[in-house]
């Protein structure tokens, strides 16, 4: 029973990084639409934000299996 509850908890916790990644790329698209010349700078920031948000999801699934 504990394992099933861990996976349900992870499923709920995965909503946060999913929403975060969506907001990161929405802001990136909005910024590039407003200032196309800043695309390279905004792209590096967006990829870094994506990596950090995705790391939270990976840490969460590791903890779900460990605990």
PDB file of N, CA and C in Angstrom:
ATOM      1  N   UNK A   1       0.814  -1.201   0.000  1.00  0.00           N
ATOM      2  CA  UNK A   1       0.000   0.000   0.000  1.00  0.00           C
ATOM      3  C   UNK A   1       0.852   1.256   0.000  1.00  0.00           C
ATOM      4  N   UNK A   2       2.015   1.205   0.655  1.00  0.00           N
ATOM      5  CA  UNK A   2       2.861   2.397   0.713  1.00  0.00           C
ATOM      6  C   UNK A   2       3.403   2.772  -0.652  1.00  0.00           C
ATOM      7  N   UNK A   3       3.792   1.806  -1.445  1.00  0.00           N
ATOM      8  CA  UNK A   3       4.327   2.088  -2.773  1.00  0.00           C
ATOM      9  C   UNK A   3       3.315   2.781  -3.668  1.00  0.00           C
ATOM     10  N   UNK A   4       2.067   2.353  -3.578  1.00  0.00           N
ATOM     11  CA  UNK A   4       1.032   2.974  -4.393  1.00  0.00           C
ATOM     12  C   UNK A   4       0.805   4.421  -3.989  1.00  0.00           C
ATOM     13  N   UNK A   5       0.846   4.696  -2.698  1.00  0.00           N
ATOM     14  CA  UNK A   5       0.661   6.067  -2.241  1.00  0.00           C
ATOM     15  C   UNK A   5       1.836   6.951  -2.643  1.00  0.00           C
ATOM     16  N   UNK A   6       3.049   6.384  -2.695  1.00  0.00           N
ATOM     17  CA  UNK A   6       4.193   7.163  -3.157  1.00  0.00           C
ATOM     18  C   UNK A   6       4.007   7.590  -4.612  1.00  0.00           C
ATOM     19  N   UNK A   7       3.507   6.702  -5.431  1.00  0.00           N
ATOM     20  CA  UNK A   7       3.337   7.033  -6.847  1.00  0.00           C
ATOM     21  C   UNK A   7       2.210   8.048  -7.045  1.00  0.00           C
ATOM     22  N   UNK A   8       1.179   7.949  -6.246  1.00  0.00           N
ATOM     23  CA  UNK A   8       0.105   8.949  -6.323  1.00  0.00           C
ATOM     24  C   UNK A   8       0.645  10.309  -5.902  1.00  0.00           C
ATOM     25  N   UNK A   9       1.450  10.320  -4.855  1.00  0.00           N
ATOM     26  CA  UNK A   9       2.064  11.572  -4.413  1.00  0.00           C
ATOM     27  C   UNK A   9       2.983  12.151  -5.471  1.00  0.00           C
ATOM     28  N   UNK A  10       3.762  11.298  -6.133  1.00  0.00           N
ATOM     29  CA  UNK A  10       4.636  11.800  -7.191  1.00  0.00           C
ATOM     30  C   UNK A  10       3.827  12.332  -8.361  1.00  0.00           C
ATOM     31  N   UNK A  11       2.756  11.647  -8.699  1.00  0.00           N
ATOM     32  CA  UNK A  11       1.908  12.124  -9.791  1.00  0.00           C
ATOM     33  C   UNK A  11       1.361  13.512  -9.521  1.00  0.00           C
ATOM     34  N   UNK A  12       0.974  13.755  -8.288  1.00  0.00           N
ATOM     35  CA  UNK A  12       0.494  15.090  -7.930  1.00  0.00           C
ATOM     36  C   UNK A  12       1.641  16.096  -7.899  1.00  0.00           C
ATOM     37  N   UNK A  13       2.804  15.661  -7.452  1.00  0.00           N
ATOM     38  CA  UNK A  13       3.953  16.562  -7.375  1.00  0.00           C
ATOM     39  C   UNK A  13       4.513  16.895  -8.758  1.00  0.00           C
ATOM     40  N   UNK A  14       4.280  16.048  -9.741  1.00  0.00           N
ATOM     41  CA  UNK A  14       4.790  16.301 -11.093  1.00  0.00           C
ATOM     42  C   UNK A  14       4.021  17.412 -11.795  1.00  0.00           C
ATOM     43  N   UNK A  15       2.897  17.798 -11.251  1.00  0.00           N
ATOM     44  CA  UNK A  15       2.126  18.890 -11.843  1.00  0.00           C
ATOM     45  C   UNK A  15       2.911  20.203 -11.764  1.00  0.00           C
ATOM     46  N   UNK A  16       3.631  20.425 -10.658  1.00  0.00           N
ATOM     47  CA  UNK A  16       4.383  21.661 -10.467  1.00  0.00           C
ATOM     48  C   UNK A  16       5.442  21.888 -11.527  1.00  0.00           C
ATOM     49  N   UNK A  17       6.370  20.938 -11.732  1.00  0.00           N
ATOM     50  CA  UNK A  17       7.356  21.139 -12.791  1.00  0.00           C
ATOM     51  C   UNK A  17       6.736  21.224 -14.186  1.00  0.00           C
ATOM     52  N   UNK A  18       5.637  20.519 -14.403  1.00  0.00           N
ATOM     53  CA  UNK A  18       4.976  20.597 -15.702  1.00  0.00           C
ATOM     54  C   UNK A  18       4.440  21.995 -15.982  1.00  0.00           C
ATOM     55  N   UNK A  19       3.814  22.579 -14.985  1.00  0.00           N
ATOM     56  CA  UNK A  19       3.311  23.945 -15.128  1.00  0.00           C
ATOM     57  C   UNK A  19       4.476  24.924 -15.260  1.00  0.00           C
ATOM     58  N   UNK A  20       5.527  24.686 -14.479  1.00  0.00           N
ATOM     59  CA  UNK A  20       6.696  25.563 -14.538  1.00  0.00           C
ATOM     60  C   UNK A  20       7.344  25.573 -15.912  1.00  0.00           C
ATOM     61  N   UNK A  21       7.486  24.409 -16.519  1.00  0.00           N
ATOM     62  CA  UNK A  21       8.080  24.324 -17.857  1.00  0.00           C
ATOM     63  C   UNK A  21       7.194  25.032 -18.878  1.00  0.00           C
ATOM     64  N   UNK A  22       5.901  24.877 -18.733  1.00  0.00           N
ATOM     65  CA  UNK A  22       4.985  25.588 -19.626  1.00  0.00           C
ATOM     66  C   UNK A  22       5.116  27.099 -19.495  1.00  0.00           C
ATOM     67  N   UNK A  23       5.240  27.593 -18.285  1.00  0.00           N
ATOM     68  CA  UNK A  23       5.394  29.034 -18.068  1.00  0.00           C
ATOM     69  C   UNK A  23       6.742  29.537 -18.594  1.00  0.00           C
ATOM     70  N   UNK A  24       7.780  28.740 -18.428  1.00  0.00           N
ATOM     71  CA  UNK A  24       9.108  29.140 -18.920  1.00  0.00           C
ATOM     72  C   UNK A  24       9.078  29.338 -20.427  1.00  0.00           C
ATOM     73  N   UNK A  25       8.522  28.374 -21.158  1.00  0.00           N
ATOM     74  CA  UNK A  25       8.532  28.491 -22.612  1.00  0.00           C
ATOM     75  C   UNK A  25       7.485  29.480 -23.120  1.00  0.00           C
ATOM     76  N   UNK A  26       6.422  29.712 -22.370  1.00  0.00           N
ATOM     77  CA  UNK A  26       5.473  30.761 -22.750  1.00  0.00           C
ATOM     78  C   UNK A  26       6.143  32.127 -22.646  1.00  0.00           C
ATOM     79  N   UNK A  27       6.928  32.330 -21.580  1.00  0.00           N
ATOM     80  CA  UNK A  27       7.648  33.598 -21.432  1.00  0.00           C
ATOM     81  C   UNK A  27       8.720  33.743 -22.509  1.00  0.00           C
ATOM     82  N   UNK A  28       9.369  32.640 -22.868  1.00  0.00           N
ATOM     83  CA  UNK A  28      10.387  32.674 -23.921  1.00  0.00           C
ATOM     84  C   UNK A  28       9.767  33.072 -25.261  1.00  0.00           C
ATOM     85  N   UNK A  29       8.656  32.462 -25.611  1.00  0.00           N
ATOM     86  CA  UNK A  29       7.995  32.778 -26.880  1.00  0.00           C
ATOM     87  C   UNK A  29       7.517  34.227 -26.885  1.00  0.00           C
ATOM     88  N   UNK A  30       6.993  34.674 -25.761  1.00  0.00           N
ATOM     89  CA  UNK A  30       6.532  36.054 -25.650  1.00  0.00           C
ATOM     90  C   UNK A  30       7.706  37.022 -25.794  1.00  0.00           C
ATOM     91  N   UNK A  31       8.824  36.721 -25.162  1.00  0.00           N
ATOM     92  CA  UNK A  31       9.993  37.592 -25.248  1.00  0.00           C
ATOM     93  C   UNK A  31      10.574  37.656 -26.642  1.00  0.00           C
ATOM     94  N   UNK A  32      10.627  36.522 -27.330  1.00  0.00           N
ATOM     95  CA  UNK A  32      11.160  36.508 -28.695  1.00  0.00           C
ATOM     96  C   UNK A  32      10.208  37.221 -29.649  1.00  0.00           C
ATOM     97  N   UNK A  33       8.912  37.116 -29.406  1.00  0.00           N
ATOM     98  CA  UNK A  33       7.955  37.818 -30.259  1.00  0.00           C
ATOM     99  C   UNK A  33       8.085  39.332 -30.094  1.00  0.00           C
ATOM    100  N   UNK A  34       8.422  39.772 -28.883  1.00  0.00           N
ATOM    101  CA  UNK A  34       8.577  41.210 -28.646  1.00  0.00           C
ATOM    102  C   UNK A  34       9.930  41.729 -29.128  1.00  0.00           C
ATOM    103  N   UNK A  35      10.992  40.963 -28.904  1.00  0.00           N
ATOM    104  CA  UNK A  35      12.335  41.385 -29.302  1.00  0.00           C
ATOM    105  C   UNK A  35      13.074  40.217 -29.963  1.00  0.00           C
ATOM    106  N   UNK A  36      12.920  40.071 -31.265  1.00  0.00           N
ATOM    107  CA  UNK A  36      13.570  38.940 -31.951  1.00  0.00           C
ATOM    108  C   UNK A  36      15.092  38.965 -31.857  1.00  0.00           C
ATOM    109  N   UNK A  37      15.685  40.132 -31.702  1.00  0.00           N
ATOM    110  CA  UNK A  37      17.146  40.199 -31.634  1.00  0.00           C
ATOM    111  C   UNK A  37      17.699  39.629 -30.328  1.00  0.00           C
ATOM    112  N   UNK A  38      16.858  39.444 -29.326  1.00  0.00           N
ATOM    113  CA  UNK A  38      17.294  38.885 -28.040  1.00  0.00           C
ATOM    114  C   UNK A  38      17.078  37.378 -27.955  1.00  0.00           C
ATOM    115  N   UNK A  39      16.853  36.733 -29.089  1.00  0.00           N
ATOM    116  CA  UNK A  39      16.525  35.309 -29.076  1.00  0.00           C
ATOM    117  C   UNK A  39      17.635  34.452 -28.473  1.00  0.00           C
ATOM    118  N   UNK A  40      18.881  34.693 -28.828  1.00  0.00           N
ATOM    119  CA  UNK A  40      19.962  33.830 -28.334  1.00  0.00           C
ATOM    120  C   UNK A  40      20.116  33.951 -26.822  1.00  0.00           C
ATOM    121  N   UNK A  41      19.992  35.156 -26.290  1.00  0.00           N
ATOM    122  CA  UNK A  41      20.099  35.342 -24.836  1.00  0.00           C
ATOM    123  C   UNK A  41      18.914  34.701 -24.118  1.00  0.00           C
ATOM    124  N   UNK A  42      17.726  34.903 -24.651  1.00  0.00           N
ATOM    125  CA  UNK A  42      16.532  34.325 -24.022  1.00  0.00           C
ATOM    126  C   UNK A  42      16.525  32.802 -24.125  1.00  0.00           C
ATOM    127  N   UNK A  43      17.059  32.267 -25.209  1.00  0.00           N
ATOM    128  CA  UNK A  43      17.062  30.817 -25.392  1.00  0.00           C
ATOM    129  C   UNK A  43      17.928  30.131 -24.342  1.00  0.00           C
ATOM    130  N   UNK A  44      19.097  30.690 -24.050  1.00  0.00           N
ATOM    131  CA  UNK A  44      19.951  30.073 -23.036  1.00  0.00           C
ATOM    132  C   UNK A  44      19.297  30.120 -21.665  1.00  0.00           C
ATOM    133  N   UNK A  45      18.630  31.215 -21.352  1.00  0.00           N
ATOM    134  CA  UNK A  45      17.951  31.330 -20.065  1.00  0.00           C
ATOM    135  C   UNK A  45      16.786  30.342 -19.986  1.00  0.00           C
ATOM    136  N   UNK A  46      16.045  30.191 -21.090  1.00  0.00           N
ATOM    137  CA  UNK A  46      14.913  29.266 -21.107  1.00  0.00           C
ATOM    138  C   UNK A  46      15.378  27.817 -20.952  1.00  0.00           C
ATOM    139  N   UNK A  47      16.467  27.459 -21.604  1.00  0.00           N
ATOM    140  CA  UNK A  47      16.969  26.085 -21.498  1.00  0.00           C
ATOM    141  C   UNK A  47      17.474  25.810 -20.092  1.00  0.00           C
ATOM    142  N   UNK A  48      18.136  26.785 -19.477  1.00  0.00           N
ATOM    143  CA  UNK A  48      18.585  26.625 -18.096  1.00  0.00           C
ATOM    144  C   UNK A  48      17.391  26.462 -17.148  1.00  0.00           C
ATOM    145  N   UNK A  49      16.359  27.263 -17.340  1.00  0.00           N
ATOM    146  CA  UNK A  49      15.158  27.129 -16.518  1.00  0.00           C
ATOM    147  C   UNK A  49      14.473  25.793 -16.710  1.00  0.00           C
ATOM    148  N   UNK A  50      14.441  25.311 -17.956  1.00  0.00           N
ATOM    149  CA  UNK A  50      13.866  24.000 -18.243  1.00  0.00           C
ATOM    150  C   UNK A  50      14.628  22.905 -17.517  1.00  0.00           C
ATOM    151  N   UNK A  51      15.964  22.988 -17.566  1.00  0.00           N
ATOM    152  CA  UNK A  51      16.784  21.957 -16.917  1.00  0.00           C
ATOM    153  C   UNK A  51      16.568  21.946 -15.407  1.00  0.00           C
ATOM    154  N   UNK A  52      16.474  23.120 -14.805  1.00  0.00           N
ATOM    155  CA  UNK A  52      16.263  23.175 -13.360  1.00  0.00           C
ATOM    156  C   UNK A  52      14.871  22.667 -12.969  1.00  0.00           C
ATOM    157  N   UNK A  53      13.855  23.019 -13.749  1.00  0.00           N
ATOM    158  CA  UNK A  53      12.505  22.542 -13.448  1.00  0.00           C
ATOM    159  C   UNK A  53      12.405  21.028 -13.652  1.00  0.00           C
ATOM    160  N   UNK A  54      13.071  20.526 -14.670  1.00  0.00           N
ATOM    161  CA  UNK A  54      13.036  19.084 -14.930  1.00  0.00           C
ATOM    162  C   UNK A  54      13.808  18.321 -13.860  1.00  0.00           C
ATOM    163  N   UNK A  55      14.855  18.941 -13.320  1.00  0.00           N
ATOM    164  CA  UNK A  55      15.618  18.297 -12.246  1.00  0.00           C
ATOM    165  C   UNK A  55      14.743  18.073 -11.022  1.00  0.00           C
ATOM    166  N   UNK A  56      13.839  18.992 -10.752  1.00  0.00           N
ATOM    167  CA  UNK A  56      12.923  18.806  -9.622  1.00  0.00           C
ATOM    168  C   UNK A  56      12.043  17.582  -9.825  1.00  0.00           C
ATOM    169  N   UNK A  57      11.578  17.374 -11.043  1.00  0.00           N
ATOM    170  CA  UNK A  57      10.744  16.204 -11.320  1.00  0.00           C
ATOM    171  C   UNK A  57      11.554  14.912 -11.193  1.00  0.00           C
ATOM    172  N   UNK A  58      12.802  14.934 -11.638  1.00  0.00           N
ATOM    173  CA  UNK A  58      13.646  13.737 -11.548  1.00  0.00           C
ATOM    174  C   UNK A  58      13.966  13.420 -10.092  1.00  0.00           C
ATOM    175  N   UNK A  59      14.256  14.437  -9.304  1.00  0.00           N
ATOM    176  CA  UNK A  59      14.496  14.223  -7.870  1.00  0.00           C
ATOM    177  C   UNK A  59      13.239  13.671  -7.207  1.00  0.00           C
ATOM    178  N   UNK A  60      12.093  14.170  -7.613  1.00  0.00           N
ATOM    179  CA  UNK A  60      10.830  13.695  -7.045  1.00  0.00           C
ATOM    180  C   UNK A  60      10.580  12.221  -7.340  1.00  0.00           C
ATOM    181  N   UNK A  61      10.855  11.774  -8.555  1.00  0.00           N
ATOM    182  CA  UNK A  61      10.614  10.362  -8.857  1.00  0.00           C
ATOM    183  C   UNK A  61      11.639   9.483  -8.157  1.00  0.00           C
ATOM    184  N   UNK A  62      12.859   9.979  -7.980  1.00  0.00           N
ATOM    185  CA  UNK A  62      13.857   9.202  -7.237  1.00  0.00           C
ATOM    186  C   UNK A  62      13.415   9.039  -5.776  1.00  0.00           C
ATOM    187  N   UNK A  63      12.916  10.096  -5.193  1.00  0.00           N
ATOM    188  CA  UNK A  63      12.429  10.003  -3.815  1.00  0.00           C
ATOM    189  C   UNK A  63      11.190   9.124  -3.696  1.00  0.00           C
ATOM    190  N   UNK A  64      10.350   9.125  -4.730  1.00  0.00           N
ATOM    191  CA  UNK A  64       9.170   8.274  -4.683  1.00  0.00           C
ATOM    192  C   UNK A  64       9.551   6.788  -4.662  1.00  0.00           C
ATOM    193  N   UNK A  65      10.620   6.433  -5.385  1.00  0.00           N
ATOM    194  CA  UNK A  65      11.058   5.035  -5.377  1.00  0.00           C
ATOM    195  C   UNK A  65      11.823   4.681  -4.106  1.00  0.00           C
ATOM    196  N   UNK A  66      12.564   5.640  -3.578  1.00  0.00           N
ATOM    197  CA  UNK A  66      13.378   5.360  -2.389  1.00  0.00           C
ATOM    198  C   UNK A  66      12.494   5.257  -1.146  1.00  0.00           C
ATOM    199  N   UNK A  67      11.593   6.208  -1.006  1.00  0.00           N
ATOM    200  CA  UNK A  67      10.753   6.208   0.210  1.00  0.00           C
ATOM    201  C   UNK A  67       9.622   5.287  -0.031  1.00  0.00           C
TER     202      UNK A  67
END
